[in-house]
Amino acid sequence: MLQMRPGCERCDRDLPADQDGAWICSFECTFCSDCNNRTLHGRCPNCGGQLQPRPTRSGDALARHPASTARVFRPAPG
């Protein structure tokens, strides 16, 4: 099951589990659409893997299996 991390690792924007707009790699590194479109261009800066749209989780599934609250923040250098 996906961790559903709560924020973008690059800009720290909130990424609710029940909304579109998050991108993940196979290691579940998580980024917002803006960071993906502006600088990452579909590649994870941590592992080099391909970024894919993260599925959403809502309703009963989200209630039974809540999203992670652990934030990972690795701002871009510079």
PDB file of N, CA and C in Angstrom:
ATOM      1  N   MET A   1       0.844  -1.170   0.000  1.00  0.00           N
ATOM      2  CA  MET A   1       0.000   0.000   0.000  1.00  0.00           C
ATOM      3  C   MET A   1       0.892   1.238   0.000  1.00  0.00           C
ATOM      4  N   LEU A   2       0.514   2.231  -0.778  1.00  0.00           N
ATOM      5  CA  LEU A   2       1.278   3.473  -0.853  1.00  0.00           C
ATOM      6  C   LEU A   2       1.246   4.228   0.474  1.00  0.00           C
ATOM      7  N   GLN A   3       2.375   4.869   0.804  1.00  0.00           N
ATOM      8  CA  GLN A   3       2.443   5.690   2.012  1.00  0.00           C
ATOM      9  C   GLN A   3       1.583   6.947   1.904  1.00  0.00           C
ATOM     10  N   MET A   4       1.401   7.441   0.699  1.00  0.00           N
ATOM     11  CA  MET A   4       0.643   8.677   0.476  1.00  0.00           C
ATOM     12  C   MET A   4       1.249   9.819   1.290  1.00  0.00           C
ATOM     13  N   ARG A   5       2.493  10.137   1.002  1.00  0.00           N
ATOM     14  CA  ARG A   5       3.190  11.207   1.713  1.00  0.00           C
ATOM     15  C   ARG A   5       2.439  12.523   1.564  1.00  0.00           C
ATOM     16  N   PRO A   6       2.465  13.355   2.615  1.00  0.00           N
ATOM     17  CA  PRO A   6       1.582  14.518   2.659  1.00  0.00           C
ATOM     18  C   PRO A   6       2.071  15.777   1.952  1.00  0.00           C
ATOM     19  N   GLY A   7       3.298  15.776   1.433  1.00  0.00           N
ATOM     20  CA  GLY A   7       3.797  17.003   0.818  1.00  0.00           C
ATOM     21  C   GLY A   7       4.864  16.754  -0.229  1.00  0.00           C
ATOM     22  N   CYS A   8       5.094  17.770  -1.039  1.00  0.00           N
ATOM     23  CA  CYS A   8       6.132  17.728  -2.071  1.00  0.00           C
ATOM     24  C   CYS A   8       7.503  17.783  -1.409  1.00  0.00           C
ATOM     25  N   GLU A   9       8.378  16.888  -1.813  1.00  0.00           N
ATOM     26  CA  GLU A   9       9.728  16.849  -1.244  1.00  0.00           C
ATOM     27  C   GLU A   9      10.569  18.038  -1.666  1.00  0.00           C
ATOM     28  N   ARG A  10      10.192  18.712  -2.727  1.00  0.00           N
ATOM     29  CA  ARG A  10      10.999  19.808  -3.259  1.00  0.00           C
ATOM     30  C   ARG A  10      10.557  21.176  -2.751  1.00  0.00           C
ATOM     31  N   CYS A  11       9.233  21.426  -2.697  1.00  0.00           N
ATOM     32  CA  CYS A  11       8.747  22.759  -2.286  1.00  0.00           C
ATOM     33  C   CYS A  11       7.894  22.718  -1.020  1.00  0.00           C
ATOM     34  N   ASP A  12       7.615  21.537  -0.514  1.00  0.00           N
ATOM     35  CA  ASP A  12       6.848  21.317   0.707  1.00  0.00           C
ATOM     36  C   ASP A  12       5.370  21.684   0.582  1.00  0.00           C
ATOM     37  N   ARG A  13       4.855  21.782  -0.631  1.00  0.00           N
ATOM     38  CA  ARG A  13       3.425  22.038  -0.851  1.00  0.00           C
ATOM     39  C   ARG A  13       2.618  20.846  -0.342  1.00  0.00           C
ATOM     40  N   ASP A  14       1.496  21.118   0.299  1.00  0.00           N
ATOM     41  CA  ASP A  14       0.608  20.049   0.757  1.00  0.00           C
ATOM     42  C   ASP A  14       0.048  19.273  -0.428  1.00  0.00           C
ATOM     43  N   LEU A  15       0.013  17.954  -0.291  1.00  0.00           N
ATOM     44  CA  LEU A  15      -0.528  17.070  -1.323  1.00  0.00           C
ATOM     45  C   LEU A  15      -1.498  16.081  -0.678  1.00  0.00           C
ATOM     46  N   PRO A  16      -2.740  16.517  -0.461  1.00  0.00           N
ATOM     47  CA  PRO A  16      -3.724  15.650   0.182  1.00  0.00           C
ATOM     48  C   PRO A  16      -3.929  14.344  -0.590  1.00  0.00           C
ATOM     49  N   ALA A  17      -4.106  13.265   0.150  1.00  0.00           N
ATOM     50  CA  ALA A  17      -4.254  11.937  -0.452  1.00  0.00           C
ATOM     51  C   ALA A  17      -5.499  11.816  -1.324  1.00  0.00           C
ATOM     52  N   ASP A  18      -6.505  12.635  -1.052  1.00  0.00           N
ATOM     53  CA  ASP A  18      -7.754  12.525  -1.795  1.00  0.00           C
ATOM     54  C   ASP A  18      -7.846  13.491  -2.979  1.00  0.00           C
ATOM     55  N   GLN A  19      -6.711  14.092  -3.360  1.00  0.00           N
ATOM     56  CA  GLN A  19      -6.708  15.036  -4.481  1.00  0.00           C
ATOM     57  C   GLN A  19      -5.629  14.674  -5.497  1.00  0.00           C
ATOM     58  N   ASP A  20      -5.891  15.002  -6.749  1.00  0.00           N
ATOM     59  CA  ASP A  20      -4.887  14.831  -7.805  1.00  0.00           C
ATOM     60  C   ASP A  20      -3.767  15.841  -7.614  1.00  0.00           C
ATOM     61  N   GLY A  21      -2.676  15.658  -8.339  1.00  0.00           N
ATOM     62  CA  GLY A  21      -1.612  16.660  -8.336  1.00  0.00           C
ATOM     63  C   GLY A  21      -0.302  16.182  -7.760  1.00  0.00           C
ATOM     64  N   ALA A  22      -0.236  14.941  -7.309  1.00  0.00           N
ATOM     65  CA  ALA A  22       1.015  14.399  -6.777  1.00  0.00           C
ATOM     66  C   ALA A  22       1.627  13.435  -7.787  1.00  0.00           C
ATOM     67  N   TRP A  23       2.943  13.403  -7.817  1.00  0.00           N
ATOM     68  CA  TRP A  23       3.709  12.516  -8.700  1.00  0.00           C
ATOM     69  C   TRP A  23       4.662  11.707  -7.845  1.00  0.00           C
ATOM     70  N   ILE A  24       4.803  10.403  -8.150  1.00  0.00           N
ATOM     71  CA  ILE A  24       5.670   9.531  -7.370  1.00  0.00           C
ATOM     72  C   ILE A  24       6.541   8.673  -8.277  1.00  0.00           C
ATOM     73  N   CYS A  25       7.664   8.218  -7.717  1.00  0.00           N
ATOM     74  CA  CYS A  25       8.504   7.229  -8.395  1.00  0.00           C
ATOM     75  C   CYS A  25       8.273   5.875  -7.724  1.00  0.00           C
ATOM     76  N   SER A  26       8.987   4.856  -8.125  1.00  0.00           N
ATOM     77  CA  SER A  26       8.778   3.519  -7.561  1.00  0.00           C
ATOM     78  C   SER A  26       9.208   3.424  -6.101  1.00  0.00           C
ATOM     79  N   PHE A  27       9.987   4.396  -5.609  1.00  0.00           N
ATOM     80  CA  PHE A  27      10.374   4.427  -4.199  1.00  0.00           C
ATOM     81  C   PHE A  27       9.450   5.334  -3.384  1.00  0.00           C
ATOM     82  N   GLU A  28       8.400   5.844  -4.014  1.00  0.00           N
ATOM     83  CA  GLU A  28       7.402   6.717  -3.415  1.00  0.00           C
ATOM     84  C   GLU A  28       7.918   8.109  -3.069  1.00  0.00           C
ATOM     85  N   CYS A  29       9.030   8.522  -3.683  1.00  0.00           N
ATOM     86  CA  CYS A  29       9.431   9.928  -3.593  1.00  0.00           C
ATOM     87  C   CYS A  29       8.257  10.701  -4.187  1.00  0.00           C
ATOM     88  N   THR A  30       7.891  11.803  -3.581  1.00  0.00           N
ATOM     89  CA  THR A  30       6.639  12.477  -3.913  1.00  0.00           C
ATOM     90  C   THR A  30       6.863  13.950  -4.241  1.00  0.00           C
ATOM     91  N   PHE A  31       6.282  14.397  -5.345  1.00  0.00           N
ATOM     92  CA  PHE A  31       6.460  15.765  -5.823  1.00  0.00           C
ATOM     93  C   PHE A  31       5.135  16.312  -6.339  1.00  0.00           C
ATOM     94  N   CYS A  32       4.998  17.623  -6.316  1.00  0.00           N
ATOM     95  CA  CYS A  32       3.794  18.264  -6.846  1.00  0.00           C
ATOM     96  C   CYS A  32       3.908  18.414  -8.365  1.00  0.00           C
ATOM     97  N   SER A  33       2.785  18.711  -8.986  1.00  0.00           N
ATOM     98  CA  SER A  33       2.751  18.895 -10.451  1.00  0.00           C
ATOM     99  C   SER A  33       3.633  20.062 -10.891  1.00  0.00           C
ATOM    100  N   ASP A  34       3.629  21.160 -10.127  1.00  0.00           N
ATOM    101  CA  ASP A  34       4.457  22.308 -10.510  1.00  0.00           C
ATOM    102  C   ASP A  34       5.933  21.941 -10.557  1.00  0.00           C
ATOM    103  N   CYS A  35       6.432  21.282  -9.519  1.00  0.00           N
ATOM    104  CA  CYS A  35       7.850  20.890  -9.503  1.00  0.00           C
ATOM    105  C   CYS A  35       8.153  19.898 -10.619  1.00  0.00           C
ATOM    106  N   ASN A  36       7.245  18.950 -10.838  1.00  0.00           N
ATOM    107  CA  ASN A  36       7.457  17.995 -11.919  1.00  0.00           C
ATOM    108  C   ASN A  36       7.509  18.709 -13.264  1.00  0.00           C
ATOM    109  N   ASN A  37       6.560  19.590 -13.524  1.00  0.00           N
ATOM    110  CA  ASN A  37       6.487  20.254 -14.832  1.00  0.00           C
ATOM    111  C   ASN A  37       7.605  21.272 -15.047  1.00  0.00           C
ATOM    112  N   ARG A  38       7.989  21.988 -14.015  1.00  0.00           N
ATOM    113  CA  ARG A  38       8.973  23.069 -14.170  1.00  0.00           C
ATOM    114  C   ARG A  38      10.421  22.602 -14.165  1.00  0.00           C
ATOM    115  N   THR A  39      10.743  21.632 -13.310  1.00  0.00           N
ATOM    116  CA  THR A  39      12.167  21.285 -13.181  1.00  0.00           C
ATOM    117  C   THR A  39      12.486  19.798 -13.291  1.00  0.00           C
ATOM    118  N   LEU A  40      11.579  18.946 -12.886  1.00  0.00           N
ATOM    119  CA  LEU A  40      11.902  17.520 -12.837  1.00  0.00           C
ATOM    120  C   LEU A  40      11.636  16.799 -14.155  1.00  0.00           C
ATOM    121  N   HIS A  41      10.640  17.244 -14.896  1.00  0.00           N
ATOM    122  CA  HIS A  41      10.311  16.707 -16.221  1.00  0.00           C
ATOM    123  C   HIS A  41      10.195  15.185 -16.233  1.00  0.00           C
ATOM    124  N   GLY A  42       9.500  14.650 -15.194  1.00  0.00           N
ATOM    125  CA  GLY A  42       9.209  13.220 -15.175  1.00  0.00           C
ATOM    126  C   GLY A  42      10.298  12.335 -14.612  1.00  0.00           C
ATOM    127  N   ARG A  43      11.361  12.917 -14.045  1.00  0.00           N
ATOM    128  CA  ARG A  43      12.458  12.130 -13.467  1.00  0.00           C
ATOM    129  C   ARG A  43      12.648  12.484 -12.004  1.00  0.00           C
ATOM    130  N   CYS A  44      12.741  11.467 -11.167  1.00  0.00           N
ATOM    131  CA  CYS A  44      12.966  11.673  -9.740  1.00  0.00           C
ATOM    132  C   CYS A  44      14.407  12.130  -9.510  1.00  0.00           C
ATOM    133  N   PRO A  45      14.604  13.242  -8.802  1.00  0.00           N
ATOM    134  CA  PRO A  45      15.963  13.722  -8.552  1.00  0.00           C
ATOM    135  C   PRO A  45      16.714  12.871  -7.531  1.00  0.00           C
ATOM    136  N   ASN A  46      16.003  12.033  -6.787  1.00  0.00           N
ATOM    137  CA  ASN A  46      16.638  11.199  -5.774  1.00  0.00           C
ATOM    138  C   ASN A  46      17.184   9.894  -6.345  1.00  0.00           C
ATOM    139  N   CYS A  47      16.382   9.227  -7.179  1.00  0.00           N
ATOM    140  CA  CYS A  47      16.776   7.904  -7.681  1.00  0.00           C
ATOM    141  C   CYS A  47      16.894   7.837  -9.199  1.00  0.00           C
ATOM    142  N   GLY A  48      16.446   8.878  -9.898  1.00  0.00           N
ATOM    143  CA  GLY A  48      16.490   8.873 -11.359  1.00  0.00           C
ATOM    144  C   GLY A  48      15.330   8.136 -12.001  1.00  0.00           C
ATOM    145  N   GLY A  49      14.418   7.622 -11.180  1.00  0.00           N
ATOM    146  CA  GLY A  49      13.273   6.878 -11.699  1.00  0.00           C
ATOM    147  C   GLY A  49      12.238   7.767 -12.352  1.00  0.00           C
ATOM    148  N   GLN A  50      11.333   7.130 -13.054  1.00  0.00           N
ATOM    149  CA  GLN A  50      10.264   7.846 -13.754  1.00  0.00           C
ATOM    150  C   GLN A  50       9.171   8.241 -12.776  1.00  0.00           C
ATOM    151  N   LEU A  51       8.705   9.470 -12.869  1.00  0.00           N
ATOM    152  CA  LEU A  51       7.595   9.939 -12.043  1.00  0.00           C
ATOM    153  C   LEU A  51       6.281   9.654 -12.759  1.00  0.00           C
ATOM    154  N   GLN A  52       5.303   9.173 -11.991  1.00  0.00           N
ATOM    155  CA  GLN A  52       3.973   8.858 -12.490  1.00  0.00           C
ATOM    156  C   GLN A  52       2.946   9.557 -11.612  1.00  0.00           C
ATOM    157  N   PRO A  53       1.769   9.864 -12.138  1.00  0.00           N
ATOM    158  CA  PRO A  53       0.738  10.451 -11.287  1.00  0.00           C
ATOM    159  C   PRO A  53       0.399   9.499 -10.135  1.00  0.00           C
ATOM    160  N   ARG A  54       0.332  10.049  -8.923  1.00  0.00           N
ATOM    161  CA  ARG A  54      -0.030   9.231  -7.761  1.00  0.00           C
ATOM    162  C   ARG A  54      -1.535   9.040  -7.739  1.00  0.00           C
ATOM    163  N   PRO A  55      -2.002   7.809  -7.546  1.00  0.00           N
ATOM    164  CA  PRO A  55      -3.447   7.621  -7.424  1.00  0.00           C
ATOM    165  C   PRO A  55      -3.963   8.281  -6.152  1.00  0.00           C
ATOM    166  N   THR A  56      -5.237   8.570  -6.127  1.00  0.00           N
ATOM    167  CA  THR A  56      -5.842   9.167  -4.932  1.00  0.00           C
ATOM    168  C   THR A  56      -6.400   8.070  -4.036  1.00  0.00           C
ATOM    169  N   ARG A  57      -6.617   8.431  -2.787  1.00  0.00           N
ATOM    170  CA  ARG A  57      -7.276   7.536  -1.828  1.00  0.00           C
ATOM    171  C   ARG A  57      -8.312   8.376  -1.094  1.00  0.00           C
ATOM    172  N   SER A  58      -9.544   7.935  -1.083  1.00  0.00           N
ATOM    173  CA  SER A  58     -10.593   8.745  -0.453  1.00  0.00           C
ATOM    174  C   SER A  58     -11.630   7.865   0.214  1.00  0.00           C
ATOM    175  N   GLY A  59     -12.572   8.517   0.861  1.00  0.00           N
ATOM    176  CA  GLY A  59     -13.700   7.825   1.469  1.00  0.00           C
ATOM    177  C   GLY A  59     -13.298   6.804   2.513  1.00  0.00           C
ATOM    178  N   ASP A  60     -13.953   5.639   2.461  1.00  0.00           N
ATOM    179  CA  ASP A  60     -13.695   4.575   3.434  1.00  0.00           C
ATOM    180  C   ASP A  60     -12.257   4.077   3.380  1.00  0.00           C
ATOM    181  N   ALA A  61     -11.681   4.013   2.184  1.00  0.00           N
ATOM    182  CA  ALA A  61     -10.297   3.540   2.058  1.00  0.00           C
ATOM    183  C   ALA A  61      -9.341   4.463   2.811  1.00  0.00           C
ATOM    184  N   LEU A  62      -9.542   5.771   2.693  1.00  0.00           N
ATOM    185  CA  LEU A  62      -8.695   6.728   3.402  1.00  0.00           C
ATOM    186  C   LEU A  62      -8.936   6.656   4.905  1.00  0.00           C
ATOM    187  N   ALA A  63     -10.172   6.436   5.314  1.00  0.00           N
ATOM    188  CA  ALA A  63     -10.485   6.320   6.738  1.00  0.00           C
ATOM    189  C   ALA A  63      -9.844   5.069   7.344  1.00  0.00           C
ATOM    190  N   ARG A  64      -9.876   3.967   6.619  1.00  0.00           N
ATOM    191  CA  ARG A  64      -9.294   2.713   7.116  1.00  0.00           C
ATOM    192  C   ARG A  64      -7.774   2.700   7.016  1.00  0.00           C
ATOM    193  N   HIS A  65      -7.247   3.368   6.009  1.00  0.00           N
ATOM    194  CA  HIS A  65      -5.801   3.373   5.752  1.00  0.00           C
ATOM    195  C   HIS A  65      -5.360   4.815   5.537  1.00  0.00           C
ATOM    196  N   PRO A  66      -5.181   5.565   6.625  1.00  0.00           N
ATOM    197  CA  PRO A  66      -4.853   6.990   6.506  1.00  0.00           C
ATOM    198  C   PRO A  66      -3.510   7.224   5.808  1.00  0.00           C
ATOM    199  N   ALA A  67      -3.421   8.380   5.196  1.00  0.00           N
ATOM    200  CA  ALA A  67      -2.167   8.795   4.560  1.00  0.00           C
ATOM    201  C   ALA A  67      -1.110   9.027   5.628  1.00  0.00           C
ATOM    202  N   SER A  68       0.139   8.958   5.212  1.00  0.00           N
ATOM    203  CA  SER A  68       1.254   9.224   6.112  1.00  0.00           C
ATOM    204  C   SER A  68       1.222  10.678   6.577  1.00  0.00           C
ATOM    205  N   THR A  69       1.740  10.930   7.753  1.00  0.00           N
ATOM    206  CA  THR A  69       1.894  12.305   8.240  1.00  0.00           C
ATOM    207  C   THR A  69       3.366  12.708   8.254  1.00  0.00           C
ATOM    208  N   ALA A  70       4.252  11.773   7.909  1.00  0.00           N
ATOM    209  CA  ALA A  70       5.690  12.053   7.899  1.00  0.00           C
ATOM    210  C   ALA A  70       6.064  12.819   6.636  1.00  0.00           C
ATOM    211  N   ARG A  71       6.571  14.029   6.811  1.00  0.00           N
ATOM    212  CA  ARG A  71       6.974  14.855   5.674  1.00  0.00           C
ATOM    213  C   ARG A  71       8.441  14.603   5.346  1.00  0.00           C
ATOM    214  N   VAL A  72       8.739  14.553   4.059  1.00  0.00           N
ATOM    215  CA  VAL A  72      10.107  14.472   3.558  1.00  0.00           C
ATOM    216  C   VAL A  72      10.333  15.763   2.788  1.00  0.00           C
ATOM    217  N   PHE A  73      11.335  16.540   3.179  1.00  0.00           N
ATOM    218  CA  PHE A  73      11.581  17.822   2.508  1.00  0.00           C
ATOM    219  C   PHE A  73      13.058  17.914   2.160  1.00  0.00           C
ATOM    220  N   ARG A  74      13.334  17.929   0.863  1.00  0.00           N
ATOM    221  CA  ARG A  74      14.691  18.057   0.337  1.00  0.00           C
ATOM    222  C   ARG A  74      14.675  19.183  -0.687  1.00  0.00           C
ATOM    223  N   PRO A  75      14.788  20.427  -0.232  1.00  0.00           N
ATOM    224  CA  PRO A  75      14.692  21.535  -1.185  1.00  0.00           C
ATOM    225  C   PRO A  75      15.796  21.463  -2.244  1.00  0.00           C
ATOM    226  N   ALA A  76      15.491  22.033  -3.385  1.00  0.00           N
ATOM    227  CA  ALA A  76      16.461  22.078  -4.469  1.00  0.00           C
ATOM    228  C   ALA A  76      17.669  22.889  -4.060  1.00  0.00           C
ATOM    229  N   PRO A  77      18.879  22.448  -4.413  1.00  0.00           N
ATOM    230  CA  PRO A  77      20.065  23.232  -4.077  1.00  0.00           C
ATOM    231  C   PRO A  77      20.061  24.587  -4.792  1.00  0.00           C
ATOM    232  N   GLY A  78      20.659  25.547  -4.139  1.00  0.00           N
ATOM    233  CA  GLY A  78      20.849  26.837  -4.779  1.00  0.00           C
ATOM    234  C   GLY A  78      19.871  27.809  -4.381  1.00  0.00           C
TER     235      GLY A  78
END
